Amino acid sequence: MNANTGDIAWQVRLGITEGLPEDKQLTGNSSSAGPIATAGGLVFIGATSDQRFRAFDSKTGKQLWEAKLAKNANANPMTYEGKDGKQRVAIVAADTVYVFALP
């Protein structure tokens, strides 16, 4: 969403259904949490029922990265800077916290 104009900047179908043929898997899933946007132009979300955590380009909506988790992510992602100065993004999936370092 463009915060200055209220226009939809981009939208994507979020989530896959693995039981379908590969070319028909992008069905979208119900959502259980929200995204987080970074100052570096990334949007992270893991709120789907397909056990994926994804990163999108905030300007274009292009999916840049995806990680398969052991369970469904059920929280909003968070980001923080570690003692080493690297930015990290974290997500909770059931009883596990997954942490990924940004390049």
N, C-alpha and C. Protein backbone atom coordinates (compact mmCIF):
# COMPACT_ATOMS: atom_id res chain seq x y z
N MET A 1 0.84 -1.17 0.00
CA MET A 1 0.00 0.00 0.00
C MET A 1 0.89 1.24 0.00
N ASN A 2 0.61 2.17 -0.86
CA ASN A 2 1.34 3.43 -0.87
C ASN A 2 0.74 4.31 0.23
N ALA A 3 1.52 4.56 1.28
CA ALA A 3 1.03 5.32 2.42
C ALA A 3 0.71 6.77 2.07
N ASN A 4 1.32 7.31 1.02
CA ASN A 4 1.07 8.70 0.63
C ASN A 4 -0.23 8.86 -0.16
N THR A 5 -0.57 7.85 -0.97
CA THR A 5 -1.73 7.98 -1.85
C THR A 5 -2.89 7.06 -1.48
N GLY A 6 -2.60 5.99 -0.74
CA GLY A 6 -3.63 5.01 -0.43
C GLY A 6 -3.83 3.98 -1.54
N ASP A 7 -3.05 4.10 -2.61
CA ASP A 7 -3.16 3.16 -3.73
C ASP A 7 -2.48 1.85 -3.38
N ILE A 8 -2.97 0.78 -3.99
CA ILE A 8 -2.33 -0.52 -3.84
C ILE A 8 -1.09 -0.52 -4.72
N ALA A 9 0.08 -0.67 -4.11
CA ALA A 9 1.34 -0.67 -4.86
C ALA A 9 1.56 -2.00 -5.55
N TRP A 10 1.23 -3.09 -4.88
CA TRP A 10 1.33 -4.44 -5.44
C TRP A 10 0.57 -5.40 -4.54
N GLN A 11 0.24 -6.54 -5.10
CA GLN A 11 -0.39 -7.59 -4.31
C GLN A 11 0.01 -8.93 -4.90
N VAL A 12 0.13 -9.93 -4.03
CA VAL A 12 0.52 -11.27 -4.46
C VAL A 12 -0.41 -12.28 -3.81
N ARG A 13 -0.53 -13.42 -4.45
CA ARG A 13 -1.23 -14.55 -3.85
C ARG A 13 -0.24 -15.20 -2.91
N LEU A 14 -0.56 -15.29 -1.64
CA LEU A 14 0.38 -15.74 -0.62
C LEU A 14 0.04 -17.14 -0.14
N GLY A 15 0.91 -18.08 -0.44
CA GLY A 15 0.74 -19.45 0.04
C GLY A 15 0.48 -20.44 -1.08
N ILE A 16 0.98 -21.65 -0.85
CA ILE A 16 0.82 -22.71 -1.84
C ILE A 16 0.08 -23.90 -1.23
N THR A 17 -0.45 -24.75 -2.12
CA THR A 17 -1.07 -26.01 -1.72
C THR A 17 -0.24 -27.11 -2.37
N GLU A 18 0.62 -27.75 -1.56
CA GLU A 18 1.59 -28.70 -2.08
C GLU A 18 0.97 -29.94 -2.72
N GLY A 19 -0.24 -30.31 -2.37
CA GLY A 19 -0.87 -31.51 -2.91
C GLY A 19 -1.33 -31.38 -4.36
N LEU A 20 -1.28 -30.19 -4.90
CA LEU A 20 -1.70 -29.95 -6.28
C LEU A 20 -0.51 -30.07 -7.23
N PRO A 21 -0.76 -30.23 -8.53
CA PRO A 21 0.35 -30.21 -9.49
C PRO A 21 1.13 -28.89 -9.37
N GLU A 22 2.42 -28.95 -9.64
CA GLU A 22 3.30 -27.81 -9.41
C GLU A 22 2.81 -26.51 -10.06
N ASP A 23 2.26 -26.59 -11.26
CA ASP A 23 1.81 -25.37 -11.95
C ASP A 23 0.48 -24.84 -11.41
N LYS A 24 -0.13 -25.54 -10.47
CA LYS A 24 -1.41 -25.09 -9.88
C LYS A 24 -1.33 -24.89 -8.37
N GLN A 25 -0.13 -24.93 -7.80
CA GLN A 25 0.04 -24.86 -6.34
C GLN A 25 -0.19 -23.47 -5.75
N LEU A 26 0.00 -22.42 -6.51
CA LEU A 26 -0.11 -21.06 -5.98
C LEU A 26 -1.57 -20.67 -5.79
N THR A 27 -2.17 -21.21 -4.76
CA THR A 27 -3.60 -21.03 -4.49
C THR A 27 -3.88 -19.91 -3.50
N GLY A 28 -2.88 -19.57 -2.69
CA GLY A 28 -3.12 -18.65 -1.58
C GLY A 28 -3.60 -19.43 -0.38
N ASN A 29 -3.32 -18.94 0.80
CA ASN A 29 -3.74 -19.57 2.05
C ASN A 29 -4.35 -18.51 2.96
N SER A 30 -5.03 -19.00 3.98
CA SER A 30 -5.53 -18.07 4.98
C SER A 30 -4.35 -17.52 5.76
N SER A 31 -4.52 -16.35 6.32
CA SER A 31 -3.43 -15.66 7.01
C SER A 31 -3.72 -15.57 8.49
N SER A 32 -2.67 -15.76 9.30
CA SER A 32 -2.85 -15.72 10.75
C SER A 32 -2.03 -14.64 11.44
N ALA A 33 -1.24 -13.88 10.69
CA ALA A 33 -0.41 -12.83 11.29
C ALA A 33 -0.04 -11.83 10.20
N GLY A 34 0.66 -10.80 10.58
CA GLY A 34 0.99 -9.75 9.63
C GLY A 34 2.45 -9.77 9.20
N PRO A 35 2.82 -8.85 8.30
CA PRO A 35 4.19 -8.75 7.81
C PRO A 35 5.01 -7.73 8.60
N ILE A 36 6.27 -7.64 8.25
CA ILE A 36 7.12 -6.56 8.74
C ILE A 36 7.89 -6.02 7.54
N ALA A 37 8.07 -4.71 7.48
CA ALA A 37 8.84 -4.08 6.40
C ALA A 37 10.11 -3.50 6.99
N THR A 38 11.23 -3.68 6.29
CA THR A 38 12.50 -3.14 6.76
C THR A 38 12.85 -1.86 6.00
N ALA A 39 13.74 -1.08 6.57
CA ALA A 39 14.21 0.14 5.92
C ALA A 39 14.98 -0.18 4.65
N GLY A 40 15.49 -1.41 4.55
CA GLY A 40 16.24 -1.82 3.38
C GLY A 40 15.37 -2.27 2.22
N GLY A 41 14.05 -2.16 2.35
CA GLY A 41 13.16 -2.46 1.24
C GLY A 41 12.67 -3.90 1.15
N LEU A 42 12.66 -4.60 2.27
CA LEU A 42 12.16 -5.97 2.29
C LEU A 42 10.88 -6.06 3.10
N VAL A 43 10.00 -6.96 2.70
CA VAL A 43 8.80 -7.28 3.46
C VAL A 43 8.87 -8.76 3.79
N PHE A 44 8.81 -9.10 5.08
CA PHE A 44 8.84 -10.49 5.52
C PHE A 44 7.47 -10.88 6.04
N ILE A 45 7.03 -12.10 5.71
CA ILE A 45 5.77 -12.61 6.21
C ILE A 45 5.84 -14.14 6.29
N GLY A 46 5.21 -14.67 7.31
CA GLY A 46 5.19 -16.12 7.48
C GLY A 46 3.83 -16.59 7.94
N ALA A 47 2.79 -15.91 7.59
CA ALA A 47 1.47 -16.12 8.16
C ALA A 47 0.60 -17.13 7.43
N THR A 48 1.17 -17.96 6.58
CA THR A 48 0.37 -18.89 5.79
C THR A 48 0.38 -20.29 6.40
N SER A 49 -0.50 -21.14 5.93
CA SER A 49 -0.59 -22.51 6.44
C SER A 49 0.26 -23.48 5.62
N ASP A 50 1.24 -22.98 4.89
CA ASP A 50 2.11 -23.85 4.09
C ASP A 50 3.53 -23.96 4.66
N GLN A 51 3.72 -23.52 5.89
CA GLN A 51 4.99 -23.63 6.61
C GLN A 51 6.13 -22.90 5.92
N ARG A 52 5.84 -21.77 5.30
CA ARG A 52 6.86 -20.98 4.61
C ARG A 52 7.03 -19.60 5.28
N PHE A 53 8.26 -19.11 5.21
CA PHE A 53 8.59 -17.75 5.63
C PHE A 53 9.20 -17.08 4.41
N ARG A 54 8.64 -15.95 3.99
CA ARG A 54 9.02 -15.35 2.71
C ARG A 54 9.48 -13.91 2.86
N ALA A 55 10.32 -13.49 1.90
CA ALA A 55 10.73 -12.09 1.80
C ALA A 55 10.38 -11.59 0.41
N PHE A 56 9.83 -10.37 0.36
CA PHE A 56 9.44 -9.73 -0.89
C PHE A 56 10.14 -8.39 -1.01
N ASP A 57 10.35 -7.96 -2.25
CA ASP A 57 10.82 -6.61 -2.53
C ASP A 57 9.66 -5.66 -2.25
N SER A 58 9.88 -4.67 -1.39
CA SER A 58 8.77 -3.79 -0.99
C SER A 58 8.28 -2.88 -2.11
N LYS A 59 9.09 -2.66 -3.13
CA LYS A 59 8.67 -1.79 -4.24
C LYS A 59 7.91 -2.54 -5.32
N THR A 60 8.33 -3.78 -5.60
CA THR A 60 7.76 -4.51 -6.73
C THR A 60 6.84 -5.67 -6.35
N GLY A 61 7.00 -6.18 -5.12
CA GLY A 61 6.24 -7.35 -4.71
C GLY A 61 6.85 -8.67 -5.17
N LYS A 62 8.02 -8.61 -5.79
CA LYS A 62 8.68 -9.83 -6.25
C LYS A 62 9.18 -10.62 -5.05
N GLN A 63 8.86 -11.93 -5.02
CA GLN A 63 9.37 -12.76 -3.95
C GLN A 63 10.86 -12.98 -4.16
N LEU A 64 11.65 -12.67 -3.12
CA LEU A 64 13.10 -12.76 -3.20
C LEU A 64 13.68 -13.99 -2.51
N TRP A 65 12.95 -14.51 -1.53
CA TRP A 65 13.51 -15.57 -0.69
C TRP A 65 12.37 -16.31 0.00
N GLU A 66 12.63 -17.58 0.32
CA GLU A 66 11.63 -18.39 1.00
C GLU A 66 12.36 -19.45 1.82
N ALA A 67 11.88 -19.71 3.04
CA ALA A 67 12.41 -20.78 3.87
C ALA A 67 11.25 -21.67 4.29
N LYS A 68 11.45 -22.97 4.22
CA LYS A 68 10.44 -23.95 4.67
C LYS A 68 10.70 -24.19 6.15
N LEU A 69 9.69 -24.01 6.97
CA LEU A 69 9.78 -24.21 8.40
C LEU A 69 9.19 -25.56 8.78
N ALA A 70 9.45 -26.02 9.99
CA ALA A 70 8.91 -27.30 10.45
C ALA A 70 7.42 -27.21 10.75
N LYS A 71 6.95 -26.00 11.08
CA LYS A 71 5.54 -25.78 11.41
C LYS A 71 5.11 -24.43 10.83
N ASN A 72 3.82 -24.14 10.92
CA ASN A 72 3.31 -22.86 10.42
C ASN A 72 3.76 -21.71 11.32
N ALA A 73 4.21 -20.64 10.71
CA ALA A 73 4.54 -19.42 11.46
C ALA A 73 3.22 -18.83 11.96
N ASN A 74 3.19 -18.44 13.21
CA ASN A 74 1.94 -17.96 13.79
C ASN A 74 2.12 -16.64 14.55
N ALA A 75 3.03 -15.83 14.06
CA ALA A 75 3.29 -14.53 14.70
C ALA A 75 3.80 -13.55 13.65
N ASN A 76 3.76 -12.28 13.99
CA ASN A 76 4.38 -11.28 13.13
C ASN A 76 5.90 -11.41 13.26
N PRO A 77 6.64 -11.28 12.16
CA PRO A 77 8.09 -11.32 12.25
C PRO A 77 8.62 -10.11 13.02
N MET A 78 9.84 -10.22 13.48
CA MET A 78 10.51 -9.07 14.12
C MET A 78 11.92 -8.99 13.56
N THR A 79 12.51 -7.82 13.65
CA THR A 79 13.88 -7.64 13.19
C THR A 79 14.66 -6.93 14.27
N TYR A 80 15.95 -7.24 14.33
CA TYR A 80 16.82 -6.61 15.32
C TYR A 80 18.26 -6.65 14.83
N GLU A 81 19.11 -5.85 15.46
CA GLU A 81 20.53 -5.83 15.14
C GLU A 81 21.27 -6.57 16.24
N GLY A 82 22.07 -7.56 15.86
CA GLY A 82 22.85 -8.32 16.82
C GLY A 82 24.07 -7.55 17.29
N LYS A 83 24.75 -8.10 18.30
CA LYS A 83 25.97 -7.47 18.83
C LYS A 83 27.04 -7.33 17.76
N ASP A 84 27.00 -8.20 16.76
CA ASP A 84 27.99 -8.16 15.68
C ASP A 84 27.65 -7.13 14.61
N GLY A 85 26.53 -6.41 14.78
CA GLY A 85 26.13 -5.38 13.84
C GLY A 85 25.28 -5.88 12.68
N LYS A 86 25.06 -7.20 12.59
CA LYS A 86 24.24 -7.75 11.51
C LYS A 86 22.75 -7.66 11.87
N GLN A 87 21.96 -7.34 10.85
CA GLN A 87 20.51 -7.32 11.04
C GLN A 87 19.98 -8.73 10.90
N ARG A 88 19.04 -9.07 11.76
CA ARG A 88 18.41 -10.39 11.72
C ARG A 88 16.90 -10.22 11.69
N VAL A 89 16.24 -11.24 11.17
CA VAL A 89 14.78 -11.29 11.19
C VAL A 89 14.40 -12.60 11.87
N ALA A 90 13.40 -12.54 12.73
CA ALA A 90 12.98 -13.72 13.49
C ALA A 90 11.49 -13.93 13.33
N ILE A 91 11.09 -15.20 13.41
CA ILE A 91 9.68 -15.57 13.31
C ILE A 91 9.42 -16.75 14.25
N VAL A 92 8.25 -16.77 14.87
CA VAL A 92 7.85 -17.87 15.73
C VAL A 92 6.95 -18.80 14.94
N ALA A 93 7.25 -20.10 15.01
CA ALA A 93 6.41 -21.13 14.40
C ALA A 93 6.14 -22.17 15.49
N ALA A 94 4.92 -22.15 15.99
CA ALA A 94 4.51 -23.02 17.10
C ALA A 94 5.42 -22.78 18.30
N ASP A 95 6.30 -23.73 18.63
CA ASP A 95 7.15 -23.61 19.81
C ASP A 95 8.61 -23.32 19.48
N THR A 96 8.88 -22.85 18.26
CA THR A 96 10.25 -22.62 17.81
C THR A 96 10.41 -21.19 17.29
N VAL A 97 11.53 -20.57 17.64
CA VAL A 97 11.88 -19.26 17.09
C VAL A 97 12.96 -19.47 16.03
N TYR A 98 12.68 -19.05 14.80
CA TYR A 98 13.65 -19.14 13.71
C TYR A 98 14.26 -17.76 13.52
N VAL A 99 15.58 -17.71 13.37
CA VAL A 99 16.29 -16.44 13.20
C VAL A 99 17.17 -16.55 11.96
N PHE A 100 17.07 -15.54 11.09
CA PHE A 100 17.84 -15.50 9.84
C PHE A 100 18.63 -14.20 9.80
N ALA A 101 19.91 -14.28 9.41
CA ALA A 101 20.74 -13.10 9.26
C ALA A 101 20.53 -12.52 7.87
N LEU A 102 20.40 -11.21 7.79
CA LEU A 102 20.30 -10.53 6.50
C LEU A 102 21.70 -10.25 5.98
N PRO A 103 21.90 -10.34 4.66
CA PRO A 103 23.25 -10.09 4.11
C PRO A 103 23.68 -8.64 4.29
